[in-house]
Amino acid sequence: GRVSRPVQLYKYFVKQNSVGADSISARFNIIQTERRILMELWYSEMHTKDVKMSIRIDKQLCSEQSEFQRIDVFESPEFGRFLTLDGIMMLTEKDEFIYHEMITHVPMASNPDIKKVLVIGAGDGGTIRELTRYESIEHIDMVEIDERVVEVSKQYLPQTACRLDDPRVHIFYDDGLRFVRRKHNEYDLIIVDSTDPFGPGEGLFTSEFYGNCYDALTENGILVNQHESPYYPDDAKAMQRAHKRIRELFPICGVYQAHIPTYPSGHWLFGFASKTVRPLGFDADRWNALGIKTRYYNTELHKGSFAIPNYVKELLDNAV
């Protein structure tokens, strides 16, 4: 989930001869050297007006405008395939495991008795993939507003979309705010794997939405959401707004963190809220006995991820 920013695709043409002089135009970088012409295509995303992240890509696999947003899939030598929505990075094959493991296994370890789960967003399928590794989960409802995100992910991102056909998974193409409004005392876990606070995901950051989630949860229910980054000011403000609204509703409310290289600043937060379950009171031995193999999450990291820096604590305390 991410704050919307401009995206740019740059083509760099390199012509080689013996001169070695540089000639730079507005969008083309031409370097004269000796023998051949090499074309490079780069994906660039503005993290702020002064900070840009760029990834060299081999090719663009998909580009379409759905009813709700622009959907692009690229192939890159460093990060493998990656998905962008409205020009912002959603996931890459190389680092998606970090986000999906942390948004899933922290709440599942905190309450191993979770049986029924609601996932809002998550059209790429990564969160569903992690949830289906738990035999104890009996039912998963996934609500995605844009069916094309799911179809594109199935076609181009089988690494994440590989478990969307699990018989326990029920997909609804609907607005998450409208869907959860109709539910009461139904889910043990709600995961809000949303895009950003603007556009199709805007309604998933409102007080009304979080209040509806509270009502939809069972007595021991847990709400986990992607909580933006605390580092750049615009991201930090979105994080503060979400945290304030959740804190007003849930008696237990905390934040944990992970390092996700392709997200702005690499420092990413998740919100944990519950009526009764405390995330640090979990039984590590019980989770470890499940034998679930992970690449990022472990029970020691679970504890440490809630130890947040002082500047983040201050942002959370001052959220208004």
Protein backbone atom coordinates (compact mmCIF):
# COMPACT_ATOMS: atom_id res chain seq x y z
CA GLY A 1 0.00 0.00 0.00
CA ARG A 2 1.45 3.32 -0.98
CA VAL A 3 0.95 7.06 -1.38
CA SER A 4 0.43 7.94 -5.05
CA ARG A 5 3.33 9.66 -6.80
CA PRO A 6 4.30 10.44 -10.41
CA VAL A 7 6.05 7.66 -12.32
CA GLN A 8 8.46 8.12 -15.18
CA LEU A 9 9.85 5.74 -17.77
CA TYR A 10 13.17 6.82 -19.22
CA LYS A 11 14.88 5.42 -22.30
CA TYR A 12 18.63 5.83 -22.34
CA PHE A 13 20.37 5.42 -25.69
CA VAL A 14 24.12 4.81 -25.59
CA LYS A 15 26.09 5.11 -28.85
CA GLN A 16 29.73 4.05 -28.78
CA ASN A 17 32.68 5.57 -30.69
CA SER A 18 36.18 6.73 -29.90
CA VAL A 19 35.28 10.27 -28.89
CA GLY A 20 33.83 9.61 -25.43
CA ALA A 21 32.02 12.98 -25.15
CA ASP A 22 28.65 13.24 -23.36
CA SER A 23 25.56 14.82 -24.87
CA ILE A 24 22.46 15.10 -22.67
CA SER A 25 18.99 16.12 -23.79
CA ALA A 26 15.74 16.41 -21.82
CA ARG A 27 14.88 12.68 -21.77
CA PHE A 28 17.74 11.00 -23.63
CA ASN A 29 21.24 10.41 -22.42
CA ILE A 30 23.57 9.96 -25.42
CA ILE A 31 27.14 8.92 -24.78
CA GLN A 32 29.38 8.70 -27.86
CA THR A 33 31.89 5.85 -27.80
CA GLU A 34 32.95 3.22 -30.27
CA ARG A 35 30.82 0.43 -31.79
CA ARG A 36 27.22 -0.19 -30.95
CA ILE A 37 23.98 1.37 -29.78
CA LEU A 38 22.58 0.15 -26.46
CA MET A 39 19.10 1.12 -25.28
CA GLU A 40 18.23 1.05 -21.58
CA LEU A 41 14.72 1.47 -20.16
CA TRP A 42 14.31 2.65 -16.58
CA TYR A 43 11.30 2.79 -14.25
CA SER A 44 11.49 5.80 -11.91
CA GLU A 45 9.26 6.70 -9.01
CA MET A 46 9.34 9.99 -7.14
CA HIS A 47 9.43 9.27 -3.39
CA THR A 48 9.40 13.03 -2.77
CA LYS A 49 9.81 15.97 -5.14
CA ASP A 50 13.55 15.73 -4.42
CA VAL A 51 14.06 11.96 -4.15
CA LYS A 52 13.69 9.43 -6.94
CA MET A 53 14.07 5.64 -7.01
CA SER A 54 14.95 4.04 -10.36
CA ILE A 55 15.11 0.42 -11.50
CA ARG A 56 16.50 -0.67 -14.86
CA ILE A 57 13.97 -2.84 -16.66
CA ASP A 58 14.35 -5.36 -19.45
CA LYS A 59 10.81 -4.99 -20.75
CA GLN A 60 7.27 -3.95 -19.95
CA LEU A 61 5.06 -7.04 -19.79
CA CYS A 62 1.68 -5.40 -19.28
CA SER A 63 0.19 -1.92 -19.34
CA GLU A 64 -3.54 -1.26 -19.14
CA GLN A 65 -6.06 1.16 -17.71
CA SER A 66 -8.75 -0.61 -15.72
CA GLU A 67 -11.97 0.97 -14.53
CA PHE A 68 -10.14 2.07 -11.39
CA GLN A 69 -6.42 2.53 -12.07
CA ARG A 70 -3.46 2.03 -14.36
CA ILE A 71 -1.87 -1.41 -14.04
CA ASP A 72 1.72 -2.11 -15.17
CA VAL A 73 4.00 -5.12 -14.88
CA PHE A 74 7.71 -4.85 -15.65
CA GLU A 75 10.61 -7.28 -15.80
CA SER A 76 13.90 -6.18 -14.27
CA PRO A 77 17.32 -7.82 -13.86
CA GLU A 78 17.66 -6.88 -10.17
CA PHE A 79 14.14 -7.29 -8.74
CA GLY A 80 12.54 -9.70 -11.20
CA ARG A 81 8.97 -8.88 -12.17
CA PHE A 82 7.24 -6.04 -10.39
CA LEU A 83 3.74 -4.59 -10.25
CA THR A 84 2.82 -0.91 -10.16
CA LEU A 85 -0.64 0.65 -9.75
CA ASP A 86 -1.13 4.23 -10.88
CA GLY A 87 2.62 4.47 -11.21
CA ILE A 88 3.60 3.38 -7.69
CA MET A 89 5.39 0.22 -6.67
CA MET A 90 3.19 -2.49 -5.16
CA LEU A 91 5.59 -5.42 -5.08
CA THR A 92 8.66 -6.97 -6.64
CA GLU A 93 9.41 -10.66 -6.90
CA LYS A 94 12.66 -10.11 -5.01
CA ASP A 95 11.40 -8.43 -1.84
CA GLU A 96 7.63 -9.13 -1.68
CA PHE A 97 8.19 -11.90 0.86
CA ILE A 98 9.11 -9.33 3.52
CA TYR A 99 5.84 -7.41 3.29
CA HIS A 100 3.60 -10.45 2.95
CA GLU A 101 5.22 -12.42 5.77
CA MET A 102 5.10 -9.51 8.19
CA ILE A 103 1.50 -8.51 7.49
CA THR A 104 0.40 -12.15 7.95
CA HIS A 105 2.55 -14.03 10.46
CA VAL A 106 2.63 -11.37 13.19
CA PRO A 107 -1.15 -11.54 13.77
CA MET A 108 -1.28 -15.30 13.18
CA ALA A 109 1.37 -15.90 15.82
CA SER A 110 -0.35 -13.48 18.19
CA ASN A 111 -3.57 -15.54 18.05
CA PRO A 112 -3.05 -19.08 16.71
CA ASP A 113 -6.79 -19.82 17.09
CA ILE A 114 -7.78 -17.64 14.13
CA LYS A 115 -10.29 -19.48 11.96
CA LYS A 116 -11.96 -16.88 9.73
CA VAL A 117 -10.07 -14.08 7.99
CA LEU A 118 -11.04 -11.07 5.91
CA VAL A 119 -8.41 -9.60 3.57
CA ILE A 120 -9.17 -6.24 1.97
CA GLY A 121 -7.10 -5.47 -1.11
CA ALA A 122 -4.29 -7.95 -1.75
CA GLY A 123 -5.21 -8.55 -5.39
CA ASP A 124 -1.68 -9.74 -6.13
CA GLY A 125 -2.32 -12.78 -3.91
CA GLY A 126 0.77 -12.59 -1.69
CA THR A 127 -1.10 -12.23 1.60
CA ILE A 128 -3.46 -15.05 0.60
CA ARG A 129 -0.47 -17.26 -0.17
CA GLU A 130 0.88 -16.79 3.35
CA LEU A 131 -2.51 -17.30 5.02
CA THR A 132 -3.19 -20.58 3.21
CA ARG A 133 -0.07 -22.06 4.80
CA TYR A 134 -2.09 -22.35 8.03
CA GLU A 135 -4.18 -25.52 8.09
CA SER A 136 -6.07 -24.12 11.10
CA ILE A 137 -7.66 -21.35 8.99
CA GLU A 138 -11.06 -22.50 7.77
CA HIS A 139 -12.34 -19.56 5.72
CA ILE A 140 -10.77 -16.56 3.94
CA ASP A 141 -12.78 -13.75 2.35
CA MET A 142 -10.80 -11.52 0.00
CA VAL A 143 -12.32 -8.23 -1.14
CA GLU A 144 -10.60 -6.53 -4.08
CA ILE A 145 -12.15 -3.58 -5.85
CA ASP A 146 -10.37 -4.18 -9.16
CA GLU A 147 -10.77 -7.59 -10.79
CA ARG A 148 -8.12 -6.75 -13.36
CA VAL A 149 -5.42 -6.61 -10.67
CA VAL A 150 -6.22 -10.21 -9.78
CA GLU A 151 -6.30 -11.36 -13.40
CA VAL A 152 -3.06 -9.58 -14.28
CA SER A 153 -1.37 -11.04 -11.19
CA LYS A 154 -2.50 -14.54 -12.12
CA GLN A 155 -1.03 -14.11 -15.58
CA TYR A 156 2.24 -12.35 -14.81
CA LEU A 157 2.93 -12.87 -11.08
CA PRO A 158 2.34 -16.56 -10.28
CA GLN A 159 4.84 -16.29 -7.41
CA THR A 160 2.28 -14.35 -5.38
CA ALA A 161 -1.00 -15.36 -7.06
CA CYS A 162 -0.37 -19.10 -6.72
CA ARG A 163 -2.94 -19.80 -3.96
CA LEU A 164 -5.92 -17.73 -5.01
CA ASP A 165 -7.69 -20.92 -6.06
CA ASP A 166 -7.46 -22.50 -2.59
CA PRO A 167 -10.97 -23.79 -1.73
CA ARG A 168 -10.97 -21.82 1.51
CA VAL A 169 -10.55 -18.54 -0.40
CA HIS A 170 -13.67 -16.63 -1.48
CA ILE A 171 -13.03 -13.58 -3.70
CA PHE A 172 -15.45 -10.65 -3.81
CA TYR A 173 -14.96 -7.84 -6.32
CA ASP A 174 -16.38 -5.04 -4.24
CA ASP A 175 -15.50 -1.86 -2.39
CA GLY A 176 -13.90 -2.81 0.94
CA LEU A 177 -15.68 -0.05 2.86
CA ARG A 178 -19.08 -1.17 1.59
CA PHE A 179 -18.34 -4.87 2.17
CA VAL A 180 -17.18 -4.61 5.78
CA ARG A 181 -20.08 -2.33 6.67
CA ARG A 182 -22.39 -5.35 6.39
CA LYS A 183 -20.38 -7.60 8.75
CA HIS A 184 -20.74 -7.96 12.52
CA ASN A 185 -18.81 -10.17 14.97
CA GLU A 186 -17.67 -12.38 12.08
CA TYR A 187 -13.88 -12.34 11.59
CA ASP A 188 -11.01 -13.32 13.87
CA LEU A 189 -8.56 -11.35 11.73
CA ILE A 190 -8.92 -8.49 9.25
CA ILE A 191 -5.88 -7.63 7.13
CA VAL A 192 -6.07 -4.34 5.25
CA ASP A 193 -3.58 -4.78 2.43
CA SER A 194 -4.62 -1.58 0.71
CA THR A 195 -2.97 0.55 -1.95
CA ASP A 196 -2.78 4.15 -0.72
CA PRO A 197 -4.84 6.90 0.96
CA PHE A 198 -5.91 8.30 -2.41
CA GLY A 199 -7.85 6.96 -5.39
CA PRO A 200 -9.42 3.47 -5.08
CA GLY A 201 -8.01 2.95 -1.57
CA GLU A 202 -9.05 6.27 -0.05
CA GLY A 203 -12.07 4.90 1.79
CA LEU A 204 -9.89 2.36 3.61
CA PHE A 205 -8.21 5.06 5.70
CA THR A 206 -11.32 6.66 7.23
CA SER A 207 -12.71 6.56 10.76
CA GLU A 208 -15.89 5.00 9.41
CA PHE A 209 -13.94 2.15 7.84
CA TYR A 210 -11.93 1.38 10.99
CA GLY A 211 -15.12 1.52 13.05
CA ASN A 212 -16.76 -0.97 10.72
CA CYS A 213 -13.72 -3.24 11.06
CA TYR A 214 -14.07 -3.08 14.85
CA ASP A 215 -17.70 -4.18 14.57
CA ALA A 216 -16.82 -6.97 12.11
CA LEU A 217 -14.24 -8.50 14.44
CA THR A 218 -14.95 -11.16 17.04
CA GLU A 219 -14.16 -10.63 20.72
CA ASN A 220 -10.51 -11.65 20.25
CA GLY A 221 -10.27 -10.20 16.76
CA ILE A 222 -7.18 -8.49 15.34
CA LEU A 223 -6.90 -5.72 12.75
CA VAL A 224 -3.61 -5.36 10.84
CA ASN A 225 -3.01 -2.74 8.19
CA GLN A 226 -0.13 -1.41 6.16
CA HIS A 227 0.73 1.80 7.96
CA GLU A 228 2.89 3.72 5.45
CA SER A 229 6.44 4.98 6.12
CA PRO A 230 7.42 7.34 8.95
CA TYR A 231 10.41 8.84 7.16
CA TYR A 232 9.28 11.29 4.48
CA PRO A 233 6.81 13.99 5.63
CA ASP A 234 3.88 13.17 3.34
CA ASP A 235 4.08 9.47 4.20
CA ALA A 236 4.43 10.28 7.91
CA LYS A 237 1.28 12.41 7.86
CA ALA A 238 -0.72 9.58 6.26
CA MET A 239 0.65 7.21 8.91
CA GLN A 240 -0.31 9.59 11.73
CA ARG A 241 -3.86 10.02 10.44
CA ALA A 242 -4.41 6.26 10.22
CA HIS A 243 -2.89 5.63 13.65
CA LYS A 244 -4.99 8.31 15.33
CA ARG A 245 -8.23 6.93 13.91
CA ILE A 246 -7.43 3.35 14.92
CA ARG A 247 -6.23 4.38 18.37
CA GLU A 248 -9.57 6.06 19.08
CA LEU A 249 -11.41 2.76 18.55
CA PHE A 250 -9.23 -0.10 19.80
CA PRO A 251 -8.04 -0.55 23.40
CA ILE A 252 -4.88 -2.29 22.16
CA CYS A 253 -3.08 -0.40 19.40
CA GLY A 254 0.55 -0.69 18.34
CA VAL A 255 2.92 -0.37 15.41
CA TYR A 256 5.61 -2.70 14.13
CA GLN A 257 8.15 -2.31 11.35
CA ALA A 258 10.04 -4.02 8.55
CA HIS A 259 12.70 -3.13 6.01
CA ILE A 260 11.32 -3.22 2.45
CA PRO A 261 13.99 -2.04 -0.02
CA THR A 262 11.71 -0.85 -2.84
CA TYR A 263 9.32 1.17 -0.67
CA PRO A 264 10.08 4.83 0.13
CA SER A 265 13.01 5.06 2.57
CA GLY A 266 12.91 1.27 3.01
CA HIS A 267 11.41 1.75 6.49
CA TRP A 268 7.80 0.52 6.51
CA LEU A 269 5.24 0.28 9.30
CA PHE A 270 2.29 -1.99 10.02
CA GLY A 271 -0.53 -1.25 12.44
CA PHE A 272 -1.69 -3.86 14.97
CA ALA A 273 -5.00 -3.29 16.76
CA SER A 274 -7.14 -5.62 18.87
CA LYS A 275 -9.90 -5.75 21.45
CA THR A 276 -8.07 -8.23 23.73
CA VAL A 277 -4.95 -9.74 22.07
CA ARG A 278 -1.56 -8.26 22.88
CA PRO A 279 1.05 -8.93 20.17
CA LEU A 280 3.94 -9.45 22.57
CA GLY A 281 2.06 -11.91 24.77
CA PHE A 282 2.19 -14.66 22.16
CA ASP A 283 3.41 -18.26 22.52
CA ALA A 284 6.54 -18.47 20.36
CA ASP A 285 6.93 -22.22 20.89
CA ARG A 286 3.41 -22.84 19.62
CA TRP A 287 4.05 -20.94 16.40
CA ASN A 288 7.47 -22.53 15.88
CA ALA A 289 5.91 -25.98 16.30
CA LEU A 290 3.85 -25.34 13.14
CA GLY A 291 7.00 -25.76 11.07
CA ILE A 292 6.18 -22.92 8.67
CA LYS A 293 9.32 -22.00 6.76
CA THR A 294 9.78 -18.27 6.26
CA ARG A 295 12.50 -16.10 4.78
CA TYR A 296 11.99 -12.95 6.89
CA TYR A 297 9.64 -13.53 9.81
CA ASN A 298 10.65 -15.40 12.95
CA THR A 299 9.46 -15.20 16.53
CA GLU A 300 12.51 -13.24 17.70
CA LEU A 301 11.94 -10.71 14.94
CA HIS A 302 8.26 -10.60 15.96
CA LYS A 303 9.30 -9.25 19.35
CA GLY A 304 11.94 -6.90 17.98
CA SER A 305 9.74 -5.42 15.27
CA PHE A 306 7.65 -3.62 17.90
CA ALA A 307 10.76 -1.82 19.24
CA ILE A 308 10.41 1.31 17.16
CA PRO A 309 12.77 4.34 16.96
CA ASN A 310 12.18 7.39 19.11
CA TYR A 311 11.31 9.64 16.17
CA VAL A 312 8.53 7.22 15.20
CA LYS A 313 7.26 7.12 18.79
CA GLU A 314 7.07 10.90 18.76
CA LEU A 315 5.16 10.90 15.48
CA LEU A 316 2.67 8.40 16.88
CA ASP A 317 2.28 10.27 20.17
CA ASN A 318 1.70 13.53 18.33
CA ALA A 319 -0.76 12.11 15.81
CA VAL A 320 -3.70 14.50 15.54
